[in-house]
PDB file of N, CA and C in Angstrom:
ATOM      1  N   ALA A   1      11.646  13.251  -8.501  1.00  0.00           N
ATOM      2  CA  ALA A   1      11.150  11.989  -8.996  1.00  0.00           C
ATOM      3  C   ALA A   1      12.229  10.929  -8.944  1.00  0.00           C
ATOM      4  N   GLY A   2      13.489  11.314  -9.126  1.00  0.00           N
ATOM      5  CA  GLY A   2      14.577  10.362  -9.059  1.00  0.00           C
ATOM      6  C   GLY A   2      14.704   9.744  -7.679  1.00  0.00           C
ATOM      7  N   VAL A   3      14.448  10.542  -6.644  1.00  0.00           N
ATOM      8  CA  VAL A   3      14.522  10.024  -5.282  1.00  0.00           C
ATOM      9  C   VAL A   3      13.437   8.981  -5.060  1.00  0.00           C
ATOM     10  N   LEU A   4      12.214   9.257  -5.538  1.00  0.00           N
ATOM     11  CA  LEU A   4      11.133   8.294  -5.384  1.00  0.00           C
ATOM     12  C   LEU A   4      11.428   7.018  -6.157  1.00  0.00           C
ATOM     13  N   ARG A   5      11.959   7.155  -7.360  1.00  0.00           N
ATOM     14  CA  ARG A   5      12.251   5.985  -8.180  1.00  0.00           C
ATOM     15  C   ARG A   5      13.313   5.128  -7.501  1.00  0.00           C
ATOM     16  N   ARG A   6      14.368   5.770  -6.970  1.00  0.00           N
ATOM     17  CA  ARG A   6      15.418   5.056  -6.268  1.00  0.00           C
ATOM     18  C   ARG A   6      14.861   4.416  -5.002  1.00  0.00           C
ATOM     19  N   ALA A   7      14.036   5.150  -4.280  1.00  0.00           N
ATOM     20  CA  ALA A   7      13.452   4.642  -3.040  1.00  0.00           C
ATOM     21  C   ALA A   7      12.510   3.481  -3.298  1.00  0.00           C
ATOM     22  N   ALA A   8      11.923   3.443  -4.473  1.00  0.00           N
ATOM     23  CA  ALA A   8      10.992   2.376  -4.800  1.00  0.00           C
ATOM     24  C   ALA A   8      11.711   1.089  -5.184  1.00  0.00           C
ATOM     25  N   GLY A   9      13.022   1.110  -5.197  1.00  0.00           N
ATOM     26  CA  GLY A   9      13.766  -0.104  -5.448  1.00  0.00           C
ATOM     27  C   GLY A   9      14.357  -0.179  -6.830  1.00  0.00           C
ATOM     28  N   GLY A  10      14.101   0.793  -7.690  1.00  0.00           N
ATOM     29  CA  GLY A  10      14.655   0.775  -9.033  1.00  0.00           C
ATOM     30  C   GLY A  10      15.781   1.768  -9.151  1.00  0.00           C
ATOM     31  N   GLY A  11      16.715   1.475 -10.036  1.00  0.00           N
ATOM     32  CA  GLY A  11      17.818   2.389 -10.268  1.00  0.00           C
ATOM     33  C   GLY A  11      17.395   3.550 -11.139  1.00  0.00           C
ATOM     34  N   GLY A  12      16.257   3.415 -11.819  1.00  0.00           N
ATOM     35  CA  GLY A  12      15.750   4.500 -12.632  1.00  0.00           C
ATOM     36  C   GLY A  12      16.277   4.471 -14.046  1.00  0.00           C
ATOM     37  N   GLY A  13      16.994   3.409 -14.439  1.00  0.00           N
ATOM     38  CA  GLY A  13      17.537   3.309 -15.790  1.00  0.00           C
ATOM     39  C   GLY A  13      16.442   3.077 -16.806  1.00  0.00           C
ATOM     40  N   ALA A  14      16.690   3.492 -18.034  1.00  0.00           N
ATOM     41  CA  ALA A  14      15.684   3.354 -19.091  1.00  0.00           C
ATOM     42  C   ALA A  14      15.367   1.885 -19.361  1.00  0.00           C
ATOM     43  N   GLY A  15      16.330   0.984 -19.155  1.00  0.00           N
ATOM     44  CA  GLY A  15      16.105  -0.430 -19.398  1.00  0.00           C
ATOM     45  C   GLY A  15      15.128  -1.057 -18.419  1.00  0.00           C
ATOM     46  N   GLU A  16      14.912  -0.425 -17.284  1.00  0.00           N
ATOM     47  CA  GLU A  16      14.005  -0.982 -16.276  1.00  0.00           C
ATOM     48  C   GLU A  16      12.554  -0.618 -16.534  1.00  0.00           C
ATOM     49  N   ARG A  17      12.281   0.383 -17.349  1.00  0.00           N
ATOM     50  CA  ARG A  17      10.909   0.835 -17.574  1.00  0.00           C
ATOM     51  C   ARG A  17      10.009  -0.280 -18.078  1.00  0.00           C
ATOM     52  N   GLY A  18      10.500  -1.116 -18.989  1.00  0.00           N
ATOM     53  CA  GLY A  18       9.693  -2.171 -19.563  1.00  0.00           C
ATOM     54  C   GLY A  18       9.324  -3.244 -18.555  1.00  0.00           C
ATOM     55  N   GLN A  19      10.055  -3.354 -17.459  1.00  0.00           N
ATOM     56  CA  GLN A  19       9.803  -4.382 -16.463  1.00  0.00           C
ATOM     57  C   GLN A  19       8.746  -3.969 -15.455  1.00  0.00           C
ATOM     58  N   ASP A  20       8.372  -2.691 -15.411  1.00  0.00           N
ATOM     59  CA  ASP A  20       7.422  -2.201 -14.413  1.00  0.00           C
ATOM     60  C   ASP A  20       6.095  -2.938 -14.461  1.00  0.00           C
ATOM     61  N   SER A  21       5.588  -3.218 -15.646  1.00  0.00           N
ATOM     62  CA  SER A  21       4.283  -3.852 -15.754  1.00  0.00           C
ATOM     63  C   SER A  21       4.350  -5.334 -15.400  1.00  0.00           C
ATOM     64  N   ALA A  22       5.507  -5.970 -15.584  1.00  0.00           N
ATOM     65  CA  ALA A  22       5.637  -7.394 -15.301  1.00  0.00           C
ATOM     66  C   ALA A  22       5.784  -7.662 -13.809  1.00  0.00           C
ATOM     67  N   ARG A  23       6.470  -6.792 -13.105  1.00  0.00           N
ATOM     68  CA  ARG A  23       6.723  -7.007 -11.688  1.00  0.00           C
ATOM     69  C   ARG A  23       6.421  -5.726 -10.917  1.00  0.00           C
ATOM     70  N   PRO A  24       5.458  -5.745  -9.984  1.00  0.00           N
ATOM     71  CA  PRO A  24       5.133  -4.540  -9.229  1.00  0.00           C
ATOM     72  C   PRO A  24       6.325  -4.072  -8.406  1.00  0.00           C
ATOM     73  N   GLN A  25       6.482  -2.775  -8.315  1.00  0.00           N
ATOM     74  CA  GLN A  25       7.560  -2.214  -7.524  1.00  0.00           C
ATOM     75  C   GLN A  25       7.124  -2.096  -6.074  1.00  0.00           C
ATOM     76  N   ALA A  26       7.920  -2.661  -5.182  1.00  0.00           N
ATOM     77  CA  ALA A  26       7.651  -2.555  -3.748  1.00  0.00           C
ATOM     78  C   ALA A  26       8.289  -1.277  -3.223  1.00  0.00           C
ATOM     79  N   PRO A  27       7.695  -0.686  -2.196  1.00  0.00           N
ATOM     80  CA  PRO A  27       8.323   0.491  -1.590  1.00  0.00           C
ATOM     81  C   PRO A  27       9.598   0.070  -0.854  1.00  0.00           C
ATOM     82  N   GLU A  28      10.507   0.978  -0.706  1.00  0.00           N
ATOM     83  CA  GLU A  28      11.753   0.727   0.006  1.00  0.00           C
ATOM     84  C   GLU A  28      11.432   0.338   1.458  1.00  0.00           C
ATOM     85  N   PRO A  29      11.949  -0.797   1.925  1.00  0.00           N
ATOM     86  CA  PRO A  29      11.646  -1.246   3.296  1.00  0.00           C
ATOM     87  C   PRO A  29      11.959  -0.210   4.372  1.00  0.00           C
ATOM     88  N   SER A  30      13.028   0.561   4.200  1.00  0.00           N
ATOM     89  CA  SER A  30      13.366   1.563   5.215  1.00  0.00           C
ATOM     90  C   SER A  30      12.339   2.690   5.272  1.00  0.00           C
ATOM     91  N   LEU A  31      11.592   2.900   4.179  1.00  0.00           N
ATOM     92  CA  LEU A  31      10.559   3.941   4.170  1.00  0.00           C
ATOM     93  C   LEU A  31       9.255   3.453   4.789  1.00  0.00           C
ATOM     94  N   LEU A  32       9.025   2.150   4.758  1.00  0.00           N
ATOM     95  CA  LEU A  32       7.758   1.608   5.266  1.00  0.00           C
ATOM     96  C   LEU A  32       7.527   1.950   6.727  1.00  0.00           C
ATOM     97  N   ARG A  33       8.594   2.039   7.500  1.00  0.00           N
ATOM     98  CA  ARG A  33       8.412   2.325   8.936  1.00  0.00           C
ATOM     99  C   ARG A  33       7.895   3.733   9.182  1.00  0.00           C
ATOM    100  N   PHE A  34       8.007   4.619   8.190  1.00  0.00           N
ATOM    101  CA  PHE A  34       7.527   5.988   8.347  1.00  0.00           C
ATOM    102  C   PHE A  34       6.101   6.180   7.837  1.00  0.00           C
ATOM    103  N   LEU A  35       5.601   5.233   7.069  1.00  0.00           N
ATOM    104  CA  LEU A  35       4.266   5.372   6.490  1.00  0.00           C
ATOM    105  C   LEU A  35       3.203   4.912   7.480  1.00  0.00           C
ATOM    106  N   VAL A  36       2.210   5.739   7.672  1.00  0.00           N
ATOM    107  CA  VAL A  36       1.090   5.394   8.553  1.00  0.00           C
ATOM    108  C   VAL A  36      -0.213   5.640   7.795  1.00  0.00           C
ATOM    109  N   CYS A  37      -1.260   4.988   8.250  1.00  0.00           N
ATOM    110  CA  CYS A  37      -2.572   5.168   7.655  1.00  0.00           C
ATOM    111  C   CYS A  37      -3.041   6.608   7.884  1.00  0.00           C
ATOM    112  N   PRO A  38      -3.521   7.289   6.847  1.00  0.00           N
ATOM    113  CA  PRO A  38      -4.000   8.660   7.038  1.00  0.00           C
ATOM    114  C   PRO A  38      -5.269   8.741   7.888  1.00  0.00           C
ATOM    115  N   LEU A  39      -5.985   7.635   8.035  1.00  0.00           N
ATOM    116  CA  LEU A  39      -7.210   7.642   8.832  1.00  0.00           C
ATOM    117  C   LEU A  39      -6.942   7.336  10.298  1.00  0.00           C
ATOM    118  N   SER A  40      -6.179   6.269  10.573  1.00  0.00           N
ATOM    119  CA  SER A  40      -5.967   5.848  11.962  1.00  0.00           C
ATOM    120  C   SER A  40      -4.629   6.289  12.529  1.00  0.00           C
ATOM    121  N   LYS A  41      -3.719   6.741  11.683  1.00  0.00           N
ATOM    122  CA  LYS A  41      -2.355   7.131  12.073  1.00  0.00           C
ATOM    123  C   LYS A  41      -1.563   5.951  12.631  1.00  0.00           C
ATOM    124  N   ARG A  42      -1.959   4.733  12.271  1.00  0.00           N
ATOM    125  CA  ARG A  42      -1.273   3.504  12.709  1.00  0.00           C
ATOM    126  C   ARG A  42      -0.361   3.004  11.600  1.00  0.00           C
ATOM    127  N   PRO A  43       0.686   2.242  11.960  1.00  0.00           N
ATOM    128  CA  PRO A  43       1.575   1.679  10.934  1.00  0.00           C
ATOM    129  C   PRO A  43       0.819   0.752   9.989  1.00  0.00           C
ATOM    130  N   LEU A  44       1.340   0.642   8.784  1.00  0.00           N
ATOM    131  CA  LEU A  44       0.744  -0.205   7.759  1.00  0.00           C
ATOM    132  C   LEU A  44       1.653  -1.396   7.496  1.00  0.00           C
ATOM    133  N   ARG A  45       1.070  -2.509   7.083  1.00  0.00           N
ATOM    134  CA  ARG A  45       1.824  -3.718   6.756  1.00  0.00           C
ATOM    135  C   ARG A  45       1.856  -3.852   5.236  1.00  0.00           C
ATOM    136  N   TYR A  46       3.046  -4.118   4.697  1.00  0.00           N
ATOM    137  CA  TYR A  46       3.166  -4.311   3.255  1.00  0.00           C
ATOM    138  C   TYR A  46       2.829  -5.753   2.913  1.00  0.00           C
ATOM    139  N   GLU A  47       1.916  -5.933   1.960  1.00  0.00           N
ATOM    140  CA  GLU A  47       1.527  -7.258   1.486  1.00  0.00           C
ATOM    141  C   GLU A  47       2.093  -7.420   0.075  1.00  0.00           C
ATOM    142  N   GLU A  48       3.126  -8.267  -0.035  1.00  0.00           N
ATOM    143  CA  GLU A  48       3.814  -8.439  -1.313  1.00  0.00           C
ATOM    144  C   GLU A  48       2.912  -9.078  -2.364  1.00  0.00           C
ATOM    145  N   ALA A  49       2.060 -10.023  -1.959  1.00  0.00           N
ATOM    146  CA  ALA A  49       1.209 -10.742  -2.907  1.00  0.00           C
ATOM    147  C   ALA A  49       0.267  -9.807  -3.670  1.00  0.00           C
ATOM    148  N   THR A  50      -0.234  -8.776  -3.007  1.00  0.00           N
ATOM    149  CA  THR A  50      -1.168  -7.850  -3.646  1.00  0.00           C
ATOM    150  C   THR A  50      -0.545  -6.484  -3.929  1.00  0.00           C
ATOM    151  N   ASN A  51       0.700  -6.273  -3.473  1.00  0.00           N
ATOM    152  CA  ASN A  51       1.404  -4.999  -3.623  1.00  0.00           C
ATOM    153  C   ASN A  51       0.568  -3.855  -3.041  1.00  0.00           C
ATOM    154  N   GLU A  52       0.178  -4.032  -1.768  1.00  0.00           N
ATOM    155  CA  GLU A  52      -0.653  -3.046  -1.076  1.00  0.00           C
ATOM    156  C   GLU A  52      -0.118  -2.819   0.334  1.00  0.00           C
ATOM    157  N   LEU A  53      -0.510  -1.692   0.894  1.00  0.00           N
ATOM    158  CA  LEU A  53      -0.257  -1.397   2.299  1.00  0.00           C
ATOM    159  C   LEU A  53      -1.553  -1.650   3.046  1.00  0.00           C
ATOM    160  N   ILE A  54      -1.503  -2.523   4.044  1.00  0.00           N
ATOM    161  CA  ILE A  54      -2.702  -3.000   4.729  1.00  0.00           C
ATOM    162  C   ILE A  54      -2.826  -2.362   6.112  1.00  0.00           C
ATOM    163  N   ASN A  55      -4.030  -1.907   6.420  1.00  0.00           N
ATOM    164  CA  ASN A  55      -4.385  -1.478   7.772  1.00  0.00           C
ATOM    165  C   ASN A  55      -5.294  -2.565   8.322  1.00  0.00           C
ATOM    166  N   GLU A  56      -4.727  -3.427   9.173  1.00  0.00           N
ATOM    167  CA  GLU A  56      -5.478  -4.559   9.728  1.00  0.00           C
ATOM    168  C   GLU A  56      -6.652  -4.085  10.592  1.00  0.00           C
ATOM    169  N   GLU A  57      -6.435  -3.034  11.348  1.00  0.00           N
ATOM    170  CA  GLU A  57      -7.447  -2.528  12.285  1.00  0.00           C
ATOM    171  C   GLU A  57      -8.716  -2.069  11.563  1.00  0.00           C
ATOM    172  N   LEU A  58      -8.548  -1.322  10.482  1.00  0.00           N
ATOM    173  CA  LEU A  58      -9.699  -0.796   9.747  1.00  0.00           C
ATOM    174  C   LEU A  58     -10.149  -1.721   8.625  1.00  0.00           C
ATOM    175  N   GLY A  59      -9.317  -2.701   8.276  1.00  0.00           N
ATOM    176  CA  GLY A  59      -9.680  -3.624   7.206  1.00  0.00           C
ATOM    177  C   GLY A  59      -9.658  -2.982   5.839  1.00  0.00           C
ATOM    178  N   ILE A  60      -8.633  -2.147   5.596  1.00  0.00           N
ATOM    179  CA  ILE A  60      -8.513  -1.509   4.295  1.00  0.00           C
ATOM    180  C   ILE A  60      -7.099  -1.700   3.745  1.00  0.00           C
ATOM    181  N   ALA A  61      -6.974  -1.580   2.423  1.00  0.00           N
ATOM    182  CA  ALA A  61      -5.691  -1.744   1.753  1.00  0.00           C
ATOM    183  C   ALA A  61      -5.486  -0.608   0.759  1.00  0.00           C
ATOM    184  N   TYR A  62      -4.323   0.023   0.841  1.00  0.00           N
ATOM    185  CA  TYR A  62      -3.966   1.100  -0.078  1.00  0.00           C
ATOM    186  C   TYR A  62      -3.094   0.520  -1.200  1.00  0.00           C
ATOM    187  N   PRO A  63      -3.417   0.795  -2.459  1.00  0.00           N
ATOM    188  CA  PRO A  63      -2.625   0.248  -3.562  1.00  0.00           C
ATOM    189  C   PRO A  63      -1.276   0.957  -3.696  1.00  0.00           C
ATOM    190  N   ILE A  64      -0.311   0.224  -4.239  1.00  0.00           N
ATOM    191  CA  ILE A  64       0.983   0.799  -4.589  1.00  0.00           C
ATOM    192  C   ILE A  64       1.085   0.704  -6.102  1.00  0.00           C
ATOM    193  N   ILE A  65       1.179   1.862  -6.753  1.00  0.00           N
ATOM    194  CA  ILE A  65       1.210   1.920  -8.210  1.00  0.00           C
ATOM    195  C   ILE A  65       2.542   2.523  -8.641  1.00  0.00           C
ATOM    196  N   ASP A  66       3.291   1.779  -9.442  1.00  0.00           N
ATOM    197  CA  ASP A  66       4.617   2.203  -9.891  1.00  0.00           C
ATOM    198  C   ASP A  66       5.527   2.562  -8.716  1.00  0.00           C
ATOM    199  N   GLY A  67       5.405   1.819  -7.620  1.00  0.00           N
ATOM    200  CA  GLY A  67       6.251   2.036  -6.456  1.00  0.00           C
ATOM    201  C   GLY A  67       5.796   3.170  -5.555  1.00  0.00           C
ATOM    202  N   ILE A  68       4.679   3.794  -5.877  1.00  0.00           N
ATOM    203  CA  ILE A  68       4.183   4.932  -5.097  1.00  0.00           C
ATOM    204  C   ILE A  68       2.908   4.532  -4.359  1.00  0.00           C
ATOM    205  N   PRO A  69       2.911   4.594  -3.012  1.00  0.00           N
ATOM    206  CA  PRO A  69       1.689   4.283  -2.265  1.00  0.00           C
ATOM    207  C   PRO A  69       0.616   5.348  -2.516  1.00  0.00           C
ATOM    208  N   HIS A  70      -0.574   4.908  -2.860  1.00  0.00           N
ATOM    209  CA  HIS A  70      -1.713   5.807  -3.050  1.00  0.00           C
ATOM    210  C   HIS A  70      -2.549   5.737  -1.769  1.00  0.00           C
ATOM    211  N   MET A  71      -2.156   6.566  -0.815  1.00  0.00           N
ATOM    212  CA  MET A  71      -2.764   6.514   0.516  1.00  0.00           C
ATOM    213  C   MET A  71      -3.871   7.545   0.662  1.00  0.00           C
ATOM    214  N   ILE A  72      -4.765   7.534  -0.290  1.00  0.00           N
ATOM    215  CA  ILE A  72      -5.955   8.373  -0.269  1.00  0.00           C
ATOM    216  C   ILE A  72      -7.103   7.458   0.163  1.00  0.00           C
ATOM    217  N   PRO A  73      -7.860   7.821   1.192  1.00  0.00           N
ATOM    218  CA  PRO A  73      -8.934   6.932   1.655  1.00  0.00           C
ATOM    219  C   PRO A  73      -9.857   6.461   0.533  1.00  0.00           C
ATOM    220  N   GLU A  74     -10.131   7.306  -0.446  1.00  0.00           N
ATOM    221  CA  GLU A  74     -11.005   6.918  -1.552  1.00  0.00           C
ATOM    222  C   GLU A  74     -10.361   5.855  -2.451  1.00  0.00           C
ATOM    223  N   ALA A  75      -9.028   5.765  -2.432  1.00  0.00           N
ATOM    224  CA  ALA A  75      -8.319   4.782  -3.260  1.00  0.00           C
ATOM    225  C   ALA A  75      -8.211   3.424  -2.571  1.00  0.00           C
ATOM    226  N   ALA A  76      -8.508   3.376  -1.285  1.00  0.00           N
ATOM    227  CA  ALA A  76      -8.376   2.126  -0.526  1.00  0.00           C
ATOM    228  C   ALA A  76      -9.527   1.179  -0.832  1.00  0.00           C
ATOM    229  N   ARG A  77      -9.231  -0.109  -0.717  1.00  0.00           N
ATOM    230  CA  ARG A  77     -10.285  -1.114  -0.854  1.00  0.00           C
ATOM    231  C   ARG A  77     -10.457  -1.800   0.495  1.00  0.00           C
ATOM    232  N   THR A  78     -11.632  -2.342   0.731  1.00  0.00           N
ATOM    233  CA  THR A  78     -11.862  -3.058   1.977  1.00  0.00           C
ATOM    234  C   THR A  78     -11.300  -4.466   1.851  1.00  0.00           C
ATOM    235  N   THR A  79     -10.759  -4.970   2.959  1.00  0.00           N
ATOM    236  CA  THR A  79     -10.159  -6.302   2.958  1.00  0.00           C
ATOM    237  C   THR A  79     -11.001  -7.301   3.727  1.00  0.00           C
ATOM    238  N   ARG A  80     -11.935  -6.833   4.497  1.00  0.00           N
ATOM    239  CA  ARG A  80     -12.763  -7.733   5.306  1.00  0.00           C
ATOM    240  C   ARG A  80     -13.885  -8.305   4.472  1.00  0.00           C
ATOM    241  N   LYS A  81     -14.019  -9.618   4.542  1.00  0.00           N
ATOM    242  CA  LYS A  81     -15.076 -10.285   3.789  1.00  0.00           C
ATOM    243  C   LYS A  81     -16.241 -10.685   4.677  1.00  0.00           C
ATOM    244  N   GLU A  82     -15.967 -10.794   5.963  1.00  0.00           N
ATOM    245  CA  GLU A  82     -17.028 -11.213   6.872  1.00  0.00           C
ATOM    246  C   GLU A  82     -17.886 -10.004   7.260  1.00  0.00           C
ATOM    247  N   PRO A  83     -19.172 -10.233   7.571  1.00  0.00           N
ATOM    248  CA  PRO A  83     -20.034  -9.118   8.005  1.00  0.00           C
ATOM    249  C   PRO A  83     -19.612  -8.624   9.389  1.00  0.00           C
ATOM    250  N   PRO A  84     -20.043  -7.434   9.774  1.00  0.00           N
ATOM    251  CA  PRO A  84     -19.701  -6.913  11.107  1.00  0.00           C
ATOM    252  C   PRO A  84     -20.211  -7.840  12.203  1.00  0.00           C
ATOM    253  N   ALA A  85     -19.570  -7.752  13.360  1.00  0.00           N
ATOM    254  CA  ALA A  85     -19.980  -8.580  14.500  1.00  0.00           C
ATOM    255  C   ALA A  85     -21.429  -8.269  14.871  1.00  0.00           C
ATOM    256  N   GLU A  86     -22.123  -9.282  15.416  1.00  0.00           N
ATOM    257  CA  GLU A  86     -23.553  -9.131  15.719  1.00  0.00           C
ATOM    258  C   GLU A  86     -23.815  -7.995  16.705  1.00  0.00           C
ATOM    259  N   GLY A  87     -22.950  -7.812  17.665  1.00  0.00           N
ATOM    260  CA  GLY A  87     -23.141  -6.774  18.684  1.00  0.00           C
ATOM    261  C   GLY A  87     -22.940  -5.371  18.162  1.00  0.00           C
ATOM    262  N   SER A  88     -22.368  -5.203  16.963  1.00  0.00           N
ATOM    263  CA  SER A  88     -22.077  -3.858  16.467  1.00  0.00           C
ATOM    264  C   SER A  88     -23.196  -3.295  15.607  1.00  0.00           C
ATOM    265  N   GLU A  89     -24.218  -4.074  15.311  1.00  0.00           N
ATOM    266  CA  GLU A  89     -25.314  -3.565  14.493  1.00  0.00           C
ATOM    267  C   GLU A  89     -26.215  -2.652  15.321  1.00  0.00           C
ATOM    268  N   GLN A  90     -26.674  -1.593  14.667  1.00  0.00           N
ATOM    269  CA  GLN A  90     -27.571  -0.670  15.355  1.00  0.00           C
ATOM    270  C   GLN A  90     -28.999  -1.116  15.164  1.00  0.00           C
ATOM    271  N   PRO A  91     -29.865  -0.894  16.170  1.00  0.00           N
ATOM    272  CA  PRO A  91     -31.276  -1.312  16.060  1.00  0.00           C
ATOM    273  C   PRO A  91     -32.044  -0.553  15.018  1.00  0.00           C
TER     274      PRO A  91
END
């Protein structure tokens, strides 16, 4: 757990615990290059504003909670607001 805490950008000191709720912990930038979407196996983009890992291709976002990416397909939310393209609808 200490490795994850350090990798998430925190030193892991007791004084930092109270700050977790005020400021979301971002994953360590050097680790982001190794994280891929479990569905498409494509790289993910970190979105600081929402503290999520985004898969642009599939239009989904995985939450990061306490510096830990929750990359379970059921935990992802959809990011696309527009309806599917007209040609993709089935008759």
